[in-house]
Amino acid sequence: MGKKKRKHDEPAAAETIPETPPQDPQGDSEEASSGREDLERERDEYLANWQRARADFQNLRRRTLEEIEAAVSRERSTLLEETLTVLDYLDMALASPCKSSDAQNLQRGVEMTRDQLWSLLERQAVAPISTDGRFDPALHQAVSTVETTECEPGSVVDVVRKGYTIGDRVLRHAQVRVAAAPKEAAPEEASAGEADEGREVGTESGSEAAEEA
């Protein structure tokens, strides 16, 4: 009997190796360049978004601080204005005449209290408004006018209530009386007065003539 051929004795079939397409080095470089540009663009977008967010946060922080400072300043001004009212009462008490020894002792106590209160206000940058010279609408509030020839028109004649500033801002305007030029008599009024005087003189002459007759 003839020997059977074994499978491993058969010659192996030649393995087929797939062909790889030739690579284009220029295309690879263009693809790499495009990918790098995309990454750079994405990086720039993230950076721009971060910068905008940082600027918005800084603006929000600045506005918040300004609002807080404005609120504190308003409350501070209100408290200082009420304190000035107490100072006015103390000044009025010191302006009252004191004759007895007890009243004078009380006046010295009021004066010490007033000095302590004013020292506190000075530490808060409160200063009195000057009322010497001409009327300044930015600092003064005119409550009335006084016709006089002793002062120049527009100058401050009298102080009704003292005014104060805090820093470079007016805390309370000074209430003052302002000098005004005296009003001259109108021509018609002067003519009427002269006519009345003429009639009075004529009446007196007629009376004298009647008495002589």
N, C-alpha and C. Protein backbone atom coordinates (compact mmCIF):
# COMPACT_ATOMS: atom_id res chain seq x y z
N MET A 1 0.84 -1.18 0.00
CA MET A 1 0.00 0.00 0.00
C MET A 1 0.88 1.24 0.00
N GLY A 2 0.47 2.13 -0.75
CA GLY A 2 1.28 3.38 -0.78
C GLY A 2 1.02 4.26 0.42
N LYS A 3 2.04 4.94 0.79
CA LYS A 3 1.92 5.84 1.94
C LYS A 3 1.10 7.08 1.59
N LYS A 4 0.22 7.44 2.55
CA LYS A 4 -0.61 8.65 2.36
C LYS A 4 0.24 9.88 2.70
N LYS A 5 0.01 10.86 1.91
CA LYS A 5 0.71 12.11 2.17
C LYS A 5 0.09 12.83 3.35
N ARG A 6 0.91 13.27 4.22
CA ARG A 6 0.44 14.04 5.38
C ARG A 6 0.26 15.52 4.98
N LYS A 7 -0.61 16.11 5.76
CA LYS A 7 -0.91 17.51 5.45
C LYS A 7 0.31 18.39 5.64
N HIS A 8 1.13 18.01 6.63
CA HIS A 8 2.26 18.89 6.86
C HIS A 8 3.34 18.69 5.82
N ASP A 9 3.19 17.62 5.08
CA ASP A 9 4.17 17.40 4.04
C ASP A 9 3.86 18.22 2.81
N GLU A 10 2.61 18.75 2.74
CA GLU A 10 2.25 19.55 1.57
C GLU A 10 2.94 20.89 1.65
N PRO A 11 3.33 21.43 0.57
CA PRO A 11 4.00 22.73 0.60
C PRO A 11 3.05 23.84 1.08
N ALA A 12 3.54 24.69 2.01
CA ALA A 12 2.70 25.78 2.59
C ALA A 12 2.37 26.80 1.51
N ALA A 13 1.13 27.24 1.58
CA ALA A 13 0.70 28.24 0.60
C ALA A 13 1.39 29.57 0.90
N ALA A 14 1.74 30.23 -0.09
CA ALA A 14 2.44 31.51 0.07
C ALA A 14 1.50 32.53 0.71
N GLU A 15 1.96 33.17 1.81
CA GLU A 15 1.15 34.17 2.52
C GLU A 15 1.10 35.46 1.70
N THR A 16 -0.14 35.99 1.64
CA THR A 16 -0.33 37.26 0.91
C THR A 16 -0.17 38.42 1.86
N ILE A 17 0.73 39.31 1.60
CA ILE A 17 0.99 40.50 2.44
C ILE A 17 0.30 41.69 1.80
N PRO A 18 -0.61 42.34 2.57
CA PRO A 18 -1.32 43.50 1.97
C PRO A 18 -0.35 44.61 1.63
N GLU A 19 -0.66 45.21 0.57
CA GLU A 19 0.20 46.31 0.12
C GLU A 19 -0.21 47.59 0.84
N THR A 20 0.75 48.25 1.37
CA THR A 20 0.51 49.55 2.05
C THR A 20 0.67 50.65 1.04
N PRO A 21 -0.35 51.55 1.03
CA PRO A 21 -0.25 52.64 0.06
C PRO A 21 0.93 53.53 0.40
N PRO A 22 1.51 54.09 -0.53
CA PRO A 22 2.65 54.97 -0.28
C PRO A 22 2.20 56.22 0.50
N GLN A 23 2.96 56.62 1.51
CA GLN A 23 2.64 57.79 2.36
C GLN A 23 3.11 59.07 1.69
N ASP A 24 2.21 60.10 1.91
CA ASP A 24 2.52 61.42 1.34
C ASP A 24 3.08 62.29 2.46
N PRO A 25 4.33 62.54 2.50
CA PRO A 25 4.88 63.35 3.59
C PRO A 25 4.32 64.76 3.63
N GLN A 26 3.96 65.33 2.50
CA GLN A 26 3.40 66.69 2.48
C GLN A 26 2.02 66.71 3.13
N GLY A 27 1.20 65.66 2.86
CA GLY A 27 -0.13 65.60 3.46
C GLY A 27 -0.05 65.45 4.96
N ASP A 28 0.91 64.65 5.43
CA ASP A 28 1.05 64.50 6.88
C ASP A 28 1.42 65.83 7.54
N SER A 29 2.29 66.58 6.91
CA SER A 29 2.69 67.86 7.49
C SER A 29 1.52 68.85 7.49
N GLU A 30 0.70 68.83 6.45
CA GLU A 30 -0.46 69.73 6.43
C GLU A 30 -1.47 69.36 7.50
N GLU A 31 -1.67 68.06 7.70
CA GLU A 31 -2.60 67.62 8.75
C GLU A 31 -2.09 68.00 10.12
N ALA A 32 -0.79 67.81 10.34
CA ALA A 32 -0.21 68.20 11.63
C ALA A 32 -0.32 69.70 11.85
N SER A 33 -0.08 70.46 10.79
CA SER A 33 -0.17 71.91 10.91
C SER A 33 -1.60 72.34 11.20
N SER A 34 -2.59 71.70 10.55
CA SER A 34 -3.99 72.03 10.80
C SER A 34 -4.38 71.70 12.24
N GLY A 35 -3.92 70.56 12.75
CA GLY A 35 -4.22 70.20 14.13
C GLY A 35 -3.61 71.17 15.12
N ARG A 36 -2.40 71.61 14.83
CA ARG A 36 -1.76 72.58 15.72
C ARG A 36 -2.51 73.91 15.73
N GLU A 37 -2.99 74.34 14.56
CA GLU A 37 -3.76 75.57 14.48
C GLU A 37 -5.05 75.47 15.27
N ASP A 38 -5.70 74.31 15.19
CA ASP A 38 -6.93 74.12 15.96
C ASP A 38 -6.65 74.22 17.46
N LEU A 39 -5.57 73.59 17.90
CA LEU A 39 -5.23 73.66 19.32
C LEU A 39 -4.90 75.09 19.76
N GLU A 40 -4.17 75.81 18.91
CA GLU A 40 -3.85 77.19 19.25
C GLU A 40 -5.09 78.06 19.30
N ARG A 41 -6.02 77.84 18.36
CA ARG A 41 -7.26 78.62 18.36
C ARG A 41 -8.08 78.30 19.61
N GLU A 42 -8.14 77.04 19.98
CA GLU A 42 -8.87 76.66 21.19
C GLU A 42 -8.22 77.26 22.43
N ARG A 43 -6.87 77.25 22.43
CA ARG A 43 -6.15 77.86 23.55
C ARG A 43 -6.46 79.35 23.65
N ASP A 44 -6.47 80.05 22.53
CA ASP A 44 -6.75 81.49 22.53
C ASP A 44 -8.17 81.78 23.00
N GLU A 45 -9.12 80.92 22.63
CA GLU A 45 -10.50 81.10 23.08
C GLU A 45 -10.61 80.94 24.59
N TYR A 46 -9.96 79.93 25.14
CA TYR A 46 -9.97 79.73 26.59
C TYR A 46 -9.32 80.92 27.31
N LEU A 47 -8.22 81.41 26.75
CA LEU A 47 -7.53 82.55 27.37
C LEU A 47 -8.40 83.79 27.34
N ALA A 48 -9.07 84.04 26.18
CA ALA A 48 -9.94 85.21 26.08
C ALA A 48 -11.12 85.10 27.04
N ASN A 49 -11.70 83.92 27.16
CA ASN A 49 -12.82 83.73 28.09
C ASN A 49 -12.37 83.95 29.53
N TRP A 50 -11.18 83.48 29.86
CA TRP A 50 -10.67 83.67 31.22
C TRP A 50 -10.42 85.14 31.49
N GLN A 51 -9.87 85.84 30.52
CA GLN A 51 -9.60 87.27 30.71
C GLN A 51 -10.90 88.05 30.88
N ARG A 52 -11.92 87.72 30.09
CA ARG A 52 -13.22 88.40 30.25
C ARG A 52 -13.83 88.12 31.61
N ALA A 53 -13.76 86.86 32.03
CA ALA A 53 -14.33 86.50 33.33
C ALA A 53 -13.57 87.22 34.46
N ARG A 54 -12.27 87.34 34.33
CA ARG A 54 -11.46 88.04 35.33
C ARG A 54 -11.82 89.52 35.37
N ALA A 55 -11.98 90.14 34.19
CA ALA A 55 -12.35 91.56 34.14
C ALA A 55 -13.75 91.78 34.72
N ASP A 56 -14.70 90.89 34.41
CA ASP A 56 -16.05 91.02 34.97
C ASP A 56 -16.02 90.90 36.49
N PHE A 57 -15.22 89.99 36.99
CA PHE A 57 -15.12 89.82 38.45
C PHE A 57 -14.54 91.06 39.11
N GLN A 58 -13.49 91.63 38.50
CA GLN A 58 -12.89 92.84 39.06
C GLN A 58 -13.87 94.00 39.04
N ASN A 59 -14.64 94.15 37.95
CA ASN A 59 -15.64 95.22 37.88
C ASN A 59 -16.73 95.02 38.93
N LEU A 60 -17.17 93.77 39.10
CA LEU A 60 -18.19 93.48 40.11
C LEU A 60 -17.66 93.77 41.50
N ARG A 61 -16.42 93.42 41.75
CA ARG A 61 -15.83 93.68 43.07
C ARG A 61 -15.72 95.18 43.31
N ARG A 62 -15.29 95.93 42.29
CA ARG A 62 -15.16 97.38 42.44
C ARG A 62 -16.51 98.03 42.71
N ARG A 63 -17.55 97.63 41.93
CA ARG A 63 -18.89 98.20 42.14
C ARG A 63 -19.42 97.86 43.53
N THR A 64 -19.19 96.64 43.96
CA THR A 64 -19.66 96.24 45.29
C THR A 64 -19.00 97.06 46.38
N LEU A 65 -17.68 97.27 46.27
CA LEU A 65 -16.98 98.09 47.27
C LEU A 65 -17.48 99.53 47.25
N GLU A 66 -17.74 100.07 46.05
CA GLU A 66 -18.24 101.45 45.96
C GLU A 66 -19.63 101.56 46.59
N GLU A 67 -20.48 100.58 46.36
CA GLU A 67 -21.82 100.61 46.95
C GLU A 67 -21.74 100.51 48.47
N ILE A 68 -20.84 99.66 48.96
CA ILE A 68 -20.68 99.53 50.41
C ILE A 68 -20.18 100.84 51.01
N GLU A 69 -19.18 101.46 50.37
CA GLU A 69 -18.65 102.72 50.87
C GLU A 69 -19.70 103.83 50.83
N ALA A 70 -20.53 103.85 49.77
CA ALA A 70 -21.58 104.86 49.68
C ALA A 70 -22.62 104.67 50.79
N ALA A 71 -22.98 103.41 51.05
CA ALA A 71 -23.96 103.14 52.11
C ALA A 71 -23.40 103.54 53.48
N VAL A 72 -22.14 103.22 53.72
CA VAL A 72 -21.51 103.59 55.00
C VAL A 72 -21.43 105.11 55.13
N SER A 73 -21.10 105.79 54.03
CA SER A 73 -21.01 107.25 54.06
C SER A 73 -22.36 107.88 54.35
N ARG A 74 -23.43 107.35 53.76
CA ARG A 74 -24.77 107.89 54.02
C ARG A 74 -25.14 107.72 55.49
N GLU A 75 -24.92 106.54 56.03
CA GLU A 75 -25.27 106.31 57.43
C GLU A 75 -24.41 107.18 58.35
N ARG A 76 -23.14 107.34 57.99
CA ARG A 76 -22.26 108.18 58.79
C ARG A 76 -22.71 109.63 58.76
N SER A 77 -23.10 110.12 57.58
CA SER A 77 -23.57 111.51 57.47
C SER A 77 -24.83 111.73 58.28
N THR A 78 -25.75 110.76 58.24
CA THR A 78 -26.99 110.88 59.03
C THR A 78 -26.69 110.96 60.51
N LEU A 79 -25.78 110.11 60.98
CA LEU A 79 -25.42 110.13 62.40
C LEU A 79 -24.75 111.44 62.78
N LEU A 80 -23.88 111.95 61.94
CA LEU A 80 -23.18 113.20 62.26
C LEU A 80 -24.14 114.39 62.23
N GLU A 81 -25.11 114.39 61.31
CA GLU A 81 -26.10 115.48 61.28
C GLU A 81 -26.92 115.50 62.57
N GLU A 82 -27.31 114.34 63.06
CA GLU A 82 -28.05 114.29 64.32
C GLU A 82 -27.17 114.76 65.48
N THR A 83 -25.88 114.44 65.41
CA THR A 83 -24.96 114.91 66.45
C THR A 83 -24.81 116.42 66.41
N LEU A 84 -24.85 117.00 65.22
CA LEU A 84 -24.78 118.46 65.10
C LEU A 84 -25.98 119.13 65.74
N THR A 85 -27.13 118.49 65.69
CA THR A 85 -28.31 119.05 66.35
C THR A 85 -28.09 119.12 67.86
N VAL A 86 -27.48 118.08 68.42
CA VAL A 86 -27.15 118.11 69.86
C VAL A 86 -26.16 119.23 70.14
N LEU A 87 -25.19 119.42 69.24
CA LEU A 87 -24.23 120.51 69.41
C LEU A 87 -24.92 121.87 69.39
N ASP A 88 -25.94 122.03 68.54
CA ASP A 88 -26.70 123.29 68.51
C ASP A 88 -27.38 123.55 69.85
N TYR A 89 -27.96 122.52 70.43
CA TYR A 89 -28.64 122.69 71.72
C TYR A 89 -27.64 123.09 72.81
N LEU A 90 -26.47 122.51 72.78
CA LEU A 90 -25.45 122.86 73.77
C LEU A 90 -24.99 124.31 73.57
N ASP A 91 -24.84 124.75 72.32
CA ASP A 91 -24.46 126.14 72.07
C ASP A 91 -25.54 127.11 72.55
N MET A 92 -26.81 126.75 72.34
CA MET A 92 -27.89 127.61 72.83
C MET A 92 -27.90 127.66 74.35
N ALA A 93 -27.60 126.54 74.99
CA ALA A 93 -27.56 126.54 76.45
C ALA A 93 -26.41 127.41 76.96
N LEU A 94 -25.28 127.39 76.27
CA LEU A 94 -24.14 128.22 76.68
C LEU A 94 -24.39 129.70 76.42
N ALA A 95 -25.26 130.01 75.45
CA ALA A 95 -25.56 131.42 75.16
C ALA A 95 -26.50 132.04 76.17
N SER A 96 -27.13 131.22 77.00
CA SER A 96 -28.06 131.76 78.00
C SER A 96 -27.27 132.42 79.13
N PRO A 97 -27.75 133.56 79.64
CA PRO A 97 -27.02 134.24 80.74
C PRO A 97 -27.14 133.44 82.03
N CYS A 98 -26.04 133.41 82.77
CA CYS A 98 -26.00 132.70 84.05
C CYS A 98 -25.49 133.67 85.12
N LYS A 99 -26.32 133.89 86.13
CA LYS A 99 -25.95 134.84 87.18
C LYS A 99 -25.61 134.13 88.48
N SER A 100 -26.37 133.13 88.84
CA SER A 100 -26.11 132.45 90.11
C SER A 100 -24.92 131.52 89.98
N SER A 101 -24.34 131.16 91.12
CA SER A 101 -23.18 130.28 91.12
C SER A 101 -23.55 128.88 90.64
N ASP A 102 -24.74 128.42 91.01
CA ASP A 102 -25.18 127.09 90.57
C ASP A 102 -25.33 127.06 89.05
N ALA A 103 -25.90 128.12 88.49
CA ALA A 103 -26.07 128.16 87.04
C ALA A 103 -24.72 128.23 86.33
N GLN A 104 -23.78 128.94 86.94
CA GLN A 104 -22.45 129.03 86.33
C GLN A 104 -21.73 127.68 86.38
N ASN A 105 -21.90 126.95 87.49
CA ASN A 105 -21.31 125.62 87.55
C ASN A 105 -21.92 124.70 86.51
N LEU A 106 -23.24 124.80 86.35
CA LEU A 106 -23.91 124.00 85.33
C LEU A 106 -23.42 124.38 83.93
N GLN A 107 -23.19 125.68 83.73
CA GLN A 107 -22.71 126.14 82.42
C GLN A 107 -21.32 125.56 82.11
N ARG A 108 -20.45 125.49 83.15
CA ARG A 108 -19.12 124.92 82.92
C ARG A 108 -19.22 123.43 82.57
N GLY A 109 -20.15 122.73 83.18
CA GLY A 109 -20.34 121.32 82.83
C GLY A 109 -20.84 121.16 81.40
N VAL A 110 -21.77 122.04 81.00
CA VAL A 110 -22.27 122.00 79.62
C VAL A 110 -21.15 122.33 78.64
N GLU A 111 -20.30 123.29 79.02
CA GLU A 111 -19.20 123.67 78.15
C GLU A 111 -18.22 122.51 77.97
N MET A 112 -17.93 121.78 79.03
CA MET A 112 -17.04 120.63 78.92
C MET A 112 -17.64 119.54 78.04
N THR A 113 -18.95 119.34 78.19
CA THR A 113 -19.63 118.35 77.34
C THR A 113 -19.58 118.77 75.88
N ARG A 114 -19.79 120.06 75.65
CA ARG A 114 -19.75 120.57 74.28
C ARG A 114 -18.36 120.40 73.67
N ASP A 115 -17.32 120.67 74.46
CA ASP A 115 -15.95 120.53 73.95
C ASP A 115 -15.63 119.07 73.62
N GLN A 116 -16.09 118.16 74.45
CA GLN A 116 -15.85 116.74 74.17
C GLN A 116 -16.56 116.30 72.89
N LEU A 117 -17.78 116.79 72.72
CA LEU A 117 -18.53 116.43 71.52
C LEU A 117 -17.87 117.01 70.27
N TRP A 118 -17.43 118.24 70.35
CA TRP A 118 -16.78 118.86 69.20
C TRP A 118 -15.45 118.18 68.88
N SER A 119 -14.73 117.74 69.90
CA SER A 119 -13.49 117.00 69.66
C SER A 119 -13.77 115.71 68.91
N LEU A 120 -14.86 115.05 69.25
CA LEU A 120 -15.25 113.83 68.52
C LEU A 120 -15.56 114.13 67.06
N LEU A 121 -16.27 115.24 66.81
CA LEU A 121 -16.61 115.61 65.45
C LEU A 121 -15.37 115.98 64.64
N GLU A 122 -14.43 116.66 65.28
CA GLU A 122 -13.19 117.01 64.58
C GLU A 122 -12.42 115.77 64.17
N ARG A 123 -12.44 114.74 64.98
CA ARG A 123 -11.75 113.49 64.61
C ARG A 123 -12.41 112.83 63.41
N GLN A 124 -13.65 113.18 63.14
CA GLN A 124 -14.36 112.65 61.97
C GLN A 124 -14.26 113.60 60.78
N ALA A 125 -13.30 114.54 60.82
CA ALA A 125 -13.03 115.49 59.72
C ALA A 125 -14.16 116.48 59.52
N VAL A 126 -14.90 116.80 60.59
CA VAL A 126 -15.96 117.81 60.52
C VAL A 126 -15.34 119.17 60.82
N ALA A 127 -15.69 120.17 60.01
CA ALA A 127 -15.16 121.52 60.18
C ALA A 127 -16.28 122.53 59.96
N PRO A 128 -16.26 123.68 60.67
CA PRO A 128 -17.30 124.70 60.48
C PRO A 128 -17.14 125.43 59.17
N ILE A 129 -18.25 125.88 58.62
CA ILE A 129 -18.25 126.66 57.38
C ILE A 129 -18.08 128.13 57.72
N SER A 130 -17.19 128.79 57.01
CA SER A 130 -16.97 130.21 57.24
C SER A 130 -18.16 131.02 56.72
N THR A 131 -18.57 132.00 57.51
CA THR A 131 -19.68 132.86 57.11
C THR A 131 -19.23 134.31 56.97
N ASP A 132 -17.94 134.52 56.85
CA ASP A 132 -17.40 135.86 56.63
C ASP A 132 -17.35 136.15 55.14
N GLY A 133 -17.75 137.34 54.78
CA GLY A 133 -17.67 137.71 53.37
C GLY A 133 -18.99 137.53 52.65
N ARG A 134 -18.91 137.21 51.36
CA ARG A 134 -20.08 137.16 50.51
C ARG A 134 -20.82 135.83 50.65
N PHE A 135 -22.08 135.88 50.25
CA PHE A 135 -22.93 134.70 50.27
C PHE A 135 -22.48 133.71 49.19
N ASP A 136 -22.31 132.46 49.57
CA ASP A 136 -21.90 131.40 48.66
C ASP A 136 -23.00 130.33 48.65
N PRO A 137 -23.75 130.20 47.55
CA PRO A 137 -24.84 129.22 47.55
C PRO A 137 -24.37 127.78 47.71
N ALA A 138 -23.10 127.52 47.44
CA ALA A 138 -22.59 126.16 47.62
C ALA A 138 -22.39 125.82 49.09
N LEU A 139 -22.26 126.85 49.94
CA LEU A 139 -22.00 126.63 51.35
C LEU A 139 -23.10 127.19 52.25
N HIS A 140 -23.81 128.22 51.76
CA HIS A 140 -24.79 128.92 52.60
C HIS A 140 -26.20 128.70 52.08
N GLN A 141 -27.15 128.86 52.98
CA GLN A 141 -28.57 128.84 52.65
C GLN A 141 -29.19 130.13 53.18
N ALA A 142 -29.69 130.97 52.26
CA ALA A 142 -30.26 132.25 52.65
C ALA A 142 -31.69 132.06 53.17
N VAL A 143 -31.93 132.49 54.40
CA VAL A 143 -33.27 132.38 54.97
C VAL A 143 -34.03 133.69 54.86
N SER A 144 -33.29 134.80 54.69
CA SER A 144 -33.94 136.09 54.53
C SER A 144 -32.90 137.10 54.06
N THR A 145 -33.40 138.27 53.66
CA THR A 145 -32.52 139.38 53.26
C THR A 145 -32.76 140.56 54.19
N VAL A 146 -31.72 141.36 54.39
CA VAL A 146 -31.79 142.51 55.28
C VAL A 146 -31.36 143.73 54.48
N GLU A 147 -32.26 144.73 54.38
CA GLU A 147 -31.90 145.97 53.69
C GLU A 147 -31.03 146.83 54.61
N THR A 148 -29.84 147.09 54.16
CA THR A 148 -28.91 147.86 54.97
C THR A 148 -27.89 148.55 54.08
N THR A 149 -27.38 149.66 54.59
CA THR A 149 -26.32 150.39 53.89
C THR A 149 -24.97 150.17 54.56
N GLU A 150 -24.95 149.44 55.67
CA GLU A 150 -23.71 149.22 56.40
C GLU A 150 -22.87 148.10 55.78
N CYS A 151 -23.52 147.16 55.07
CA CYS A 151 -22.82 146.02 54.48
C CYS A 151 -23.02 146.03 52.97
N GLU A 152 -22.08 145.46 52.27
CA GLU A 152 -22.18 145.37 50.82
C GLU A 152 -23.28 144.38 50.44
N PRO A 153 -24.13 144.72 49.48
CA PRO A 153 -25.18 143.77 49.07
C PRO A 153 -24.58 142.42 48.66
N GLY A 154 -25.21 141.36 49.15
CA GLY A 154 -24.73 140.02 48.85
C GLY A 154 -23.81 139.45 49.90
N SER A 155 -23.49 140.22 50.92
CA SER A 155 -22.64 139.72 51.99
C SER A 155 -23.50 139.15 53.12
N VAL A 156 -22.89 138.30 53.92
CA VAL A 156 -23.59 137.66 55.03
C VAL A 156 -23.68 138.64 56.19
N VAL A 157 -24.90 138.88 56.67
CA VAL A 157 -25.13 139.81 57.78
C VAL A 157 -25.19 139.08 59.11
N ASP A 158 -25.91 137.97 59.14
CA ASP A 158 -26.13 137.27 60.40
C ASP A 158 -26.21 135.77 60.12
N VAL A 159 -25.87 134.97 61.14
CA VAL A 159 -25.91 133.51 61.03
C VAL A 159 -27.06 132.99 61.87
N VAL A 160 -27.98 132.30 61.24
CA VAL A 160 -29.12 131.73 61.95
C VAL A 160 -28.76 130.35 62.51
N ARG A 161 -28.09 129.54 61.71
CA ARG A 161 -27.63 128.22 62.15
C ARG A 161 -26.29 127.91 61.49
N LYS A 162 -25.34 127.44 62.27
CA LYS A 162 -24.02 127.16 61.75
C LYS A 162 -24.05 125.99 60.76
N GLY A 163 -23.12 126.06 59.81
CA GLY A 163 -22.98 124.99 58.84
C GLY A 163 -21.64 124.29 58.99
N TYR A 164 -21.57 123.05 58.48
CA TYR A 164 -20.36 122.26 58.65
C TYR A 164 -20.08 121.46 57.38
N THR A 165 -18.79 121.16 57.20
CA THR A 165 -18.36 120.28 56.11
C THR A 165 -17.71 119.04 56.71
N ILE A 166 -17.67 117.99 55.91
CA ILE A 166 -16.94 116.78 56.29
C ILE A 166 -16.03 116.45 55.12
N GLY A 167 -14.75 116.67 55.33
CA GLY A 167 -13.81 116.54 54.23
C GLY A 167 -14.03 117.66 53.23
N ASP A 168 -14.22 117.30 51.97
CA ASP A 168 -14.50 118.29 50.93
C ASP A 168 -15.97 118.33 50.55
N ARG A 169 -16.84 117.79 51.41
CA ARG A 169 -18.27 117.72 51.14
C ARG A 169 -19.04 118.46 52.21
N VAL A 170 -20.14 119.12 51.80
CA VAL A 170 -20.97 119.86 52.76
C VAL A 170 -21.83 118.88 53.54
N LEU A 171 -21.69 118.94 54.85
CA LEU A 171 -22.51 118.10 55.72
C LEU A 171 -23.83 118.79 56.05
N ARG A 172 -23.76 120.10 56.31
CA ARG A 172 -24.96 120.89 56.57
C ARG A 172 -24.68 122.33 56.17
N HIS A 173 -25.56 122.90 55.31
CA HIS A 173 -25.38 124.28 54.87
C HIS A 173 -25.61 125.25 56.04
N ALA A 174 -24.89 126.34 56.00
CA ALA A 174 -25.08 127.39 57.01
C ALA A 174 -26.28 128.25 56.63
N GLN A 175 -27.20 128.43 57.56
CA GLN A 175 -28.37 129.28 57.33
C GLN A 175 -28.02 130.71 57.74
N VAL A 176 -28.14 131.63 56.79
CA VAL A 176 -27.68 133.01 57.03
C VAL A 176 -28.70 134.01 56.52
N ARG A 177 -28.53 135.25 56.99
CA ARG A 177 -29.27 136.39 56.45
C ARG A 177 -28.31 137.19 55.57
N VAL A 178 -28.82 137.63 54.42
CA VAL A 178 -27.97 138.26 53.41
C VAL A 178 -28.34 139.73 53.29
N ALA A 179 -27.32 140.56 53.12
CA ALA A 179 -27.55 142.00 52.98
C ALA A 179 -28.09 142.32 51.59
N ALA A 180 -29.01 143.29 51.57
CA ALA A 180 -29.59 143.76 50.30
C ALA A 180 -29.61 145.28 50.31
N ALA A 181 -29.51 145.85 49.13
CA ALA A 181 -29.52 147.31 49.01
C ALA A 181 -30.92 147.83 49.34
N PRO A 182 -31.01 148.98 50.04
CA PRO A 182 -32.33 149.55 50.35
C PRO A 182 -33.07 149.91 49.06
N LYS A 183 -34.36 149.69 49.09
CA LYS A 183 -35.18 150.02 47.92
C LYS A 183 -35.41 151.52 47.86
N GLU A 184 -35.20 152.10 46.70
CA GLU A 184 -35.44 153.53 46.51
C GLU A 184 -36.91 153.76 46.17
N ALA A 185 -37.42 154.93 46.55
CA ALA A 185 -38.82 155.24 46.28
C ALA A 185 -39.03 155.39 44.78
N ALA A 186 -40.10 154.83 44.27
CA ALA A 186 -40.39 154.91 42.85
C ALA A 186 -40.76 156.35 42.47
N PRO A 187 -40.50 156.78 41.22
CA PRO A 187 -40.82 158.17 40.80
C PRO A 187 -42.29 158.50 40.99
N GLU A 188 -43.19 157.60 40.68
CA GLU A 188 -44.62 157.88 40.82
C GLU A 188 -44.98 158.13 42.27
N GLU A 189 -44.39 157.29 43.17
CA GLU A 189 -44.68 157.46 44.58
C GLU A 189 -44.15 158.81 45.07
N ALA A 190 -42.95 159.20 44.58
CA ALA A 190 -42.40 160.49 44.99
C ALA A 190 -43.27 161.63 44.50
N SER A 191 -43.78 161.58 43.27
CA SER A 191 -44.65 162.63 42.74
C SER A 191 -45.94 162.72 43.53
N ALA A 192 -46.49 161.55 43.87
CA ALA A 192 -47.72 161.55 44.66
C ALA A 192 -47.48 162.17 46.03
N GLY A 193 -46.31 161.88 46.61
CA GLY A 193 -46.00 162.46 47.91
C GLY A 193 -45.85 163.96 47.82
N GLU A 194 -45.20 164.46 46.77
CA GLU A 194 -45.06 165.91 46.60
C GLU A 194 -46.41 166.56 46.40
N ALA A 195 -47.31 165.90 45.63
CA ALA A 195 -48.65 166.47 45.41
C ALA A 195 -49.42 166.54 46.72
N ASP A 196 -49.29 165.50 47.56
CA ASP A 196 -49.98 165.52 48.85
C ASP A 196 -49.46 166.66 49.72
N GLU A 197 -48.12 166.84 49.68
CA GLU A 197 -47.56 167.93 50.46
C GLU A 197 -48.07 169.28 49.96
N GLY A 198 -48.23 169.44 48.60
CA GLY A 198 -48.73 170.69 48.04
C GLY A 198 -50.16 170.97 48.45
N ARG A 199 -50.97 169.88 48.48
CA ARG A 199 -52.37 170.06 48.89
C ARG A 199 -52.45 170.46 50.35
N GLU A 200 -51.56 169.84 51.18
CA GLU A 200 -51.59 170.18 52.59
C GLU A 200 -51.19 171.64 52.79
N VAL A 201 -50.17 172.11 52.02
CA VAL A 201 -49.76 173.51 52.15
C VAL A 201 -50.87 174.44 51.69
N GLY A 202 -51.56 174.07 50.59
CA GLY A 202 -52.65 174.90 50.10
C GLY A 202 -53.80 174.96 51.08
N THR A 203 -54.08 173.87 51.73
CA THR A 203 -55.17 173.82 52.69
C THR A 203 -54.85 174.72 53.89
N GLU A 204 -53.57 174.62 54.32
CA GLU A 204 -53.19 175.46 55.46
C GLU A 204 -53.26 176.93 55.08
N SER A 205 -52.87 177.32 53.87
CA SER A 205 -52.94 178.74 53.46
C SER A 205 -54.37 179.20 53.40
N GLY A 206 -55.26 178.34 52.88
CA GLY A 206 -56.67 178.72 52.81
C GLY A 206 -57.26 178.90 54.19
N SER A 207 -56.85 178.07 55.11
CA SER A 207 -57.39 178.17 56.48
C SER A 207 -56.93 179.47 57.12
N GLU A 208 -55.63 179.80 56.88
CA GLU A 208 -55.11 181.03 57.46
C GLU A 208 -55.84 182.25 56.87
N ALA A 209 -56.13 182.21 55.56
CA ALA A 209 -56.85 183.34 54.94
C ALA A 209 -58.25 183.45 55.49
N ALA A 210 -58.91 182.35 55.71
CA ALA A 210 -60.26 182.39 56.26
C ALA A 210 -60.25 182.96 57.68
N GLU A 211 -59.24 182.59 58.46
CA GLU A 211 -59.18 183.10 59.82
C GLU A 211 -58.96 184.60 59.83
N GLU A 212 -58.09 185.11 58.92
CA GLU A 212 -57.85 186.57 58.86
C GLU A 212 -59.09 187.32 58.45
N ALA A 213 -59.89 186.74 57.54
CA ALA A 213 -61.11 187.41 57.12
C ALA A 213 -62.09 187.44 58.31
